[in-house]
């Protein structure tokens, strides 16, 4: 089982092919867990809230609520302008 790729074993053509392929496809299009917009948004929200909660000592639910509130205030202000 290979855990990594030895860069010296890849040809220049392999590197070019890899870079072209990866740059032409976004992660949200290639990852089946991110392809559905509503689920993706919820998962990103949970990830950000979890990381923030770890850093700040707050609960994930509190951080999520603040993000959702901030997002709704921001969008309502944009709609009014």
Protein backbone atom coordinates (compact mmCIF):
# COMPACT_ATOMS: atom_id res chain seq x y z
CA UNK A 1 0.00 0.00 0.00
CA UNK A 2 1.46 3.34 -1.07
CA UNK A 3 0.87 6.18 1.30
CA UNK A 4 2.56 8.85 -0.76
CA UNK A 5 3.88 9.56 -4.19
CA UNK A 6 7.60 9.80 -4.75
CA UNK A 7 7.98 12.95 -6.85
CA UNK A 8 11.08 11.62 -8.53
CA UNK A 9 9.09 8.69 -9.94
CA UNK A 10 6.65 10.97 -11.79
CA UNK A 11 7.51 12.25 -15.22
CA UNK A 12 7.11 15.86 -16.27
CA UNK A 13 4.14 14.77 -18.37
CA UNK A 14 2.51 13.19 -15.30
CA UNK A 15 2.92 16.44 -13.36
CA UNK A 16 1.44 18.49 -16.21
CA UNK A 17 -1.48 16.08 -16.63
CA UNK A 18 -2.19 16.10 -12.88
CA UNK A 19 -2.05 19.90 -12.67
CA UNK A 20 -4.31 20.39 -15.70
CA UNK A 21 -6.83 17.87 -14.40
CA UNK A 22 -6.93 19.28 -10.88
CA UNK A 23 -7.18 22.90 -12.02
CA UNK A 24 -10.05 22.17 -14.41
CA UNK A 25 -12.30 20.51 -11.84
CA UNK A 26 -13.41 22.15 -8.63
CA UNK A 27 -13.58 20.11 -5.45
CA UNK A 28 -17.31 20.76 -5.16
CA UNK A 29 -17.80 19.08 -8.54
CA UNK A 30 -15.56 16.08 -7.96
CA UNK A 31 -16.38 15.27 -4.32
CA UNK A 32 -19.76 13.54 -4.05
CA UNK A 33 -20.22 14.84 -0.51
CA UNK A 34 -19.91 18.44 -1.68
CA UNK A 35 -21.96 18.21 -4.88
CA UNK A 36 -25.30 19.04 -3.24
CA UNK A 37 -25.37 22.75 -2.40
CA UNK A 38 -27.57 22.63 0.69
CA UNK A 39 -25.67 19.72 2.25
CA UNK A 40 -22.34 21.34 1.32
CA UNK A 41 -23.35 24.61 2.99
CA UNK A 42 -24.39 22.79 6.16
CA UNK A 43 -21.16 20.78 6.25
CA UNK A 44 -18.99 23.88 5.73
CA UNK A 45 -20.93 25.67 8.46
CA UNK A 46 -20.40 22.77 10.85
CA UNK A 47 -16.69 22.58 10.00
CA UNK A 48 -16.12 26.30 10.56
CA UNK A 49 -18.20 26.30 13.74
CA UNK A 50 -16.33 23.27 15.08
CA UNK A 51 -12.91 24.80 14.42
CA UNK A 52 -13.96 28.12 15.92
CA UNK A 53 -15.46 26.39 18.96
CA UNK A 54 -12.20 24.57 19.61
CA UNK A 55 -10.22 27.81 19.36
CA UNK A 56 -12.59 29.94 21.46
CA UNK A 57 -13.96 27.43 23.97
CA UNK A 58 -17.55 28.15 22.92
CA UNK A 59 -20.03 25.46 22.01
CA UNK A 60 -20.49 24.51 18.36
CA UNK A 61 -24.19 25.37 18.59
CA UNK A 62 -23.42 28.89 19.85
CA UNK A 63 -20.88 29.51 17.09
CA UNK A 64 -23.28 28.16 14.44
CA UNK A 65 -26.04 30.45 15.72
CA UNK A 66 -23.74 33.48 15.53
CA UNK A 67 -22.66 32.62 11.99
CA UNK A 68 -26.26 32.11 10.85
CA UNK A 69 -27.35 35.36 12.50
CA UNK A 70 -24.47 37.30 10.98
CA UNK A 71 -25.20 35.82 7.56
CA UNK A 72 -28.91 36.73 7.76
CA UNK A 73 -28.13 40.31 8.89
CA UNK A 74 -25.59 40.71 6.11
CA UNK A 75 -27.96 39.45 3.40
CA UNK A 76 -30.89 41.53 4.63
CA UNK A 77 -28.67 44.62 4.50
CA UNK A 78 -27.62 43.75 0.95
CA UNK A 79 -31.25 43.36 -0.14
CA UNK A 80 -32.13 46.80 1.23
CA UNK A 81 -29.39 48.60 -0.68
